[in-house]
N, C-alpha and C. Protein backbone atom coordinates (compact mmCIF):
# COMPACT_ATOMS: atom_id res chain seq x y z
N MET A 1 5.12 -14.29 8.12
CA MET A 1 5.74 -12.98 7.89
C MET A 1 6.24 -12.77 9.43
N ASN A 2 7.82 -12.66 9.33
CA ASN A 2 8.42 -12.33 10.66
C ASN A 2 8.28 -10.62 11.12
N GLU A 3 8.76 -10.07 12.30
CA GLU A 3 8.57 -8.86 12.20
C GLU A 3 9.47 -8.12 11.29
N THR A 4 10.83 -8.24 11.31
CA THR A 4 11.33 -7.38 10.39
C THR A 4 10.49 -7.35 9.10
N ASP A 5 10.28 -8.33 8.21
CA ASP A 5 9.44 -8.29 7.25
C ASP A 5 8.28 -7.64 7.04
N PHE A 6 7.59 -7.59 8.38
CA PHE A 6 6.41 -6.64 8.36
C PHE A 6 7.02 -5.05 8.51
N ARG A 7 7.94 -4.79 9.49
CA ARG A 7 8.35 -3.47 9.12
C ARG A 7 9.08 -3.16 7.62
N LYS A 8 9.67 -3.88 7.24
CA LYS A 8 10.03 -3.24 5.87
C LYS A 8 8.86 -3.09 4.96
N ARG A 9 7.96 -4.42 5.09
CA ARG A 9 6.79 -3.94 3.93
C ARG A 9 5.74 -2.73 4.73
N THR A 10 5.85 -2.43 5.64
CA THR A 10 5.24 -1.15 6.02
C THR A 10 5.66 0.12 5.77
N GLY A 11 7.10 -0.06 5.88
CA GLY A 11 7.65 1.12 5.92
C GLY A 11 7.75 1.43 4.10
N ASN A 12 8.13 0.54 3.61
CA ASN A 12 7.57 0.75 1.82
C ASN A 12 6.19 1.44 1.52
N ASN A 13 5.47 0.78 2.26
CA ASN A 13 4.06 1.32 2.07
C ASN A 13 3.55 2.75 2.32
N ILE A 14 4.54 3.33 3.67
CA ILE A 14 4.23 4.26 4.06
C ILE A 14 4.80 5.35 3.17
N SER A 15 6.11 5.08 2.49
CA SER A 15 6.92 5.66 1.66
C SER A 15 6.21 5.93 0.22
N TYR A 16 5.59 4.84 -0.13
CA TYR A 16 4.98 5.07 -1.45
C TYR A 16 3.80 5.96 -1.61
N TYR A 17 2.90 5.73 -0.42
CA TYR A 17 1.93 6.77 -0.02
C TYR A 17 1.88 8.40 0.25
N ARG A 18 3.17 7.99 0.91
CA ARG A 18 3.42 9.40 0.96
C ARG A 18 3.79 10.42 -0.25
N LYS A 19 4.70 9.99 -0.57
CA LYS A 19 5.12 10.35 -2.30
C LYS A 19 3.82 10.69 -3.17
N ALA A 20 3.14 9.45 -3.18
CA ALA A 20 1.93 9.46 -4.11
C ALA A 20 0.94 10.51 -3.98
N ASN A 21 1.04 11.05 -2.13
CA ASN A 21 0.32 12.24 -2.00
C ASN A 21 0.72 13.57 -1.77
N GLY A 22 2.07 13.48 -2.48
CA GLY A 22 2.86 14.83 -2.76
C GLY A 22 3.57 15.06 -1.45
N LEU A 23 4.12 14.17 -0.75
CA LEU A 23 4.31 14.90 0.96
C LEU A 23 5.89 15.00 0.93
N THR A 24 6.62 15.60 1.51
CA THR A 24 7.98 15.25 2.31
C THR A 24 7.71 14.52 3.51
N GLN A 25 9.00 14.23 3.80
CA GLN A 25 8.91 13.52 5.42
C GLN A 25 8.65 14.13 6.16
N SER A 26 8.91 15.40 6.18
CA SER A 26 8.84 16.66 7.12
C SER A 26 7.35 17.00 7.23
N ALA A 27 6.82 17.08 5.66
CA ALA A 27 5.37 17.78 5.62
C ALA A 27 4.26 16.54 6.36
N LEU A 28 4.74 14.81 6.31
CA LEU A 28 3.65 14.15 6.89
C LEU A 28 3.95 14.09 8.46
N GLY A 29 5.51 14.24 9.03
CA GLY A 29 5.62 13.89 10.30
C GLY A 29 4.94 15.40 10.86
N GLU A 30 4.87 16.43 10.44
CA GLU A 30 3.98 17.69 10.81
C GLU A 30 2.42 17.29 10.83
N LYS A 31 1.75 16.73 10.03
CA LYS A 31 0.61 16.40 9.95
C LYS A 31 0.08 15.45 10.90
N LEU A 32 1.23 14.67 11.29
CA LEU A 32 0.74 13.54 12.25
C LEU A 32 1.47 13.90 13.90
N ASN A 33 2.00 15.11 13.72
CA ASN A 33 2.92 15.59 15.09
C ASN A 33 3.91 14.88 15.35
N TYR A 34 4.66 14.53 14.62
CA TYR A 34 6.12 13.42 14.69
C TYR A 34 6.93 14.36 13.74
N SER A 35 8.33 14.29 14.12
CA SER A 35 9.67 14.51 13.58
C SER A 35 9.41 13.67 11.86
N ASP A 36 10.24 14.64 11.23
CA ASP A 36 10.58 13.96 9.63
C ASP A 36 11.54 12.74 10.12
N LYS A 37 12.51 12.65 11.34
CA LYS A 37 13.38 11.53 11.54
C LYS A 37 12.66 10.29 11.84
N ALA A 38 11.33 10.32 13.06
CA ALA A 38 10.30 9.40 12.96
C ALA A 38 9.83 8.78 11.83
N VAL A 39 9.42 9.83 10.83
CA VAL A 39 8.99 9.28 9.50
C VAL A 39 10.13 8.43 8.78
N SER A 40 11.29 9.05 8.46
CA SER A 40 12.34 8.41 8.12
C SER A 40 12.65 6.71 8.58
N LYS A 41 12.50 6.77 9.66
CA LYS A 41 12.89 5.56 10.83
C LYS A 41 11.54 4.65 10.11
N TRP A 42 10.26 4.91 10.45
CA TRP A 42 9.45 3.94 9.51
C TRP A 42 9.40 3.54 8.40
N GLU A 43 9.91 4.58 7.74
CA GLU A 43 9.96 4.16 6.15
C GLU A 43 11.45 3.16 5.82
N ARG A 44 12.31 3.21 6.93
CA ARG A 44 13.46 2.24 6.32
C ARG A 44 13.32 1.24 7.28
N GLY A 45 12.17 1.00 8.15
CA GLY A 45 11.54 -0.34 8.52
C GLY A 45 12.48 -0.29 9.88
N GLU A 46 12.95 0.68 10.63
CA GLU A 46 13.68 0.40 12.10
C GLU A 46 12.62 0.61 13.06
N SER A 47 11.53 1.01 12.59
CA SER A 47 10.57 1.15 13.95
C SER A 47 9.11 1.15 12.86
N VAL A 48 8.12 1.36 13.74
CA VAL A 48 6.69 1.16 13.34
C VAL A 48 5.83 2.24 13.98
N PRO A 49 5.12 2.99 13.46
CA PRO A 49 4.05 3.51 14.28
C PRO A 49 3.02 2.99 14.90
N ASP A 50 2.38 3.28 16.12
CA ASP A 50 1.23 2.77 16.81
C ASP A 50 -0.01 2.49 15.70
N VAL A 51 -0.45 1.93 16.23
CA VAL A 51 -1.71 1.48 15.46
C VAL A 51 -2.77 2.76 15.08
N TYR A 52 -3.00 3.65 16.41
CA TYR A 52 -3.77 4.81 15.84
C TYR A 52 -3.09 6.11 14.63
N VAL A 53 -1.97 6.06 14.83
CA VAL A 53 -0.97 6.88 13.77
C VAL A 53 -1.23 6.17 12.21
N LEU A 54 -1.15 4.63 12.30
CA LEU A 54 -1.39 4.21 11.25
C LEU A 54 -2.55 4.11 10.91
N TYR A 55 -3.41 4.50 11.52
CA TYR A 55 -4.96 4.46 11.13
C TYR A 55 -4.88 6.29 10.85
N LYS A 56 -4.38 7.29 11.21
CA LYS A 56 -4.53 8.44 10.98
C LYS A 56 -3.76 8.70 9.33
N MET A 57 -3.26 7.67 9.05
CA MET A 57 -2.24 8.02 7.75
C MET A 57 -3.25 7.47 6.88
N SER A 58 -3.76 6.37 7.42
CA SER A 58 -4.80 5.86 6.33
C SER A 58 -5.81 6.72 5.71
N GLU A 59 -6.51 7.56 6.91
CA GLU A 59 -7.29 8.67 6.75
C GLU A 59 -7.05 9.89 5.58
N LEU A 60 -5.48 10.05 6.03
CA LEU A 60 -4.53 11.07 5.31
C LEU A 60 -4.40 10.47 3.69
N PHE A 61 -4.24 9.39 3.46
CA PHE A 61 -3.84 8.87 2.20
C PHE A 61 -5.08 8.56 1.75
N GLY A 62 -6.18 8.59 2.34
CA GLY A 62 -7.61 7.75 1.47
C GLY A 62 -7.40 6.49 1.13
N CYS A 63 -6.69 5.88 2.11
CA CYS A 63 -6.78 4.09 1.38
C CYS A 63 -7.11 3.52 3.09
N THR A 64 -6.90 2.63 3.12
CA THR A 64 -7.14 1.59 4.19
C THR A 64 -6.00 1.07 5.00
N LEU A 65 -6.37 0.84 6.48
CA LEU A 65 -4.99 0.41 7.00
C LEU A 65 -4.20 -0.83 6.52
N ASN A 66 -5.16 -1.81 6.03
CA ASN A 66 -4.41 -2.63 5.11
C ASN A 66 -3.75 -2.31 4.16
N ASP A 67 -3.84 -1.58 3.50
CA ASP A 67 -3.16 -0.67 2.41
C ASP A 67 -1.86 -0.48 2.74
N ILE A 68 -1.74 -0.21 4.06
CA ILE A 68 -0.77 0.62 4.67
C ILE A 68 0.45 -0.68 5.28
N ILE A 69 -0.41 -1.38 5.89
CA ILE A 69 0.40 -2.89 6.92
C ILE A 69 0.23 -4.09 5.54
N GLY A 70 -0.44 -4.09 4.62
CA GLY A 70 -0.24 -5.33 4.00
C GLY A 70 0.40 -5.23 2.63
N GLN A 71 0.52 -6.33 1.87
CA GLN A 71 1.15 -6.40 0.58
C GLN A 71 0.28 -6.16 -0.52
N SER A 72 0.71 -4.73 -1.17
CA SER A 72 0.28 -3.96 -2.07
C SER A 72 0.47 -4.86 -3.49
N GLY A 73 -0.56 -4.81 -4.67
CA GLY A 73 -0.48 -5.32 -6.04
C GLY A 73 1.09 -4.42 -6.37
N LYS A 74 1.42 -3.20 -5.70
CA LYS A 74 2.67 -2.87 -6.50
C LYS A 74 3.62 -3.87 -6.23
N GLU A 75 3.42 -4.17 -4.68
CA GLU A 75 4.69 -4.85 -4.34
C GLU A 75 4.83 -6.36 -4.90
N ILE A 76 3.54 -6.80 -5.21
CA ILE A 76 3.26 -7.90 -5.57
C ILE A 76 4.13 -8.51 -7.21
N SER A 77 3.96 -7.18 -7.73
CA SER A 77 4.49 -7.05 -9.30
C SER A 77 5.81 -7.16 -9.04
N ASP A 78 6.52 -5.98 -8.33
CA ASP A 78 8.02 -5.95 -7.99
C ASP A 78 8.66 -6.76 -7.52
N GLU A 79 7.79 -8.15 -6.99
CA GLU A 79 8.66 -9.51 -6.46
C GLU A 79 8.94 -10.54 -7.50
N LYS A 80 8.04 -10.51 -8.90
CA LYS A 80 8.02 -11.06 -9.50
C LYS A 80 9.20 -11.19 -10.79
């Protein structure tokens, strides 16, 4: 997997977990001390938050860090 694919996958997962937890981009940003614009860039795959922020997201969403950066079952079924 190249960096672009990694950023896109991570962004899709952040978006999925944010929505599954009923949060807006602004609300997630507020919980992490980032702007909604930063969250939007993460979700579009333009950038990736640092590992500590990814860890804090995993705690907030009640999932593992790998759930956020890895390929989820949902993505696998969407690719077929």
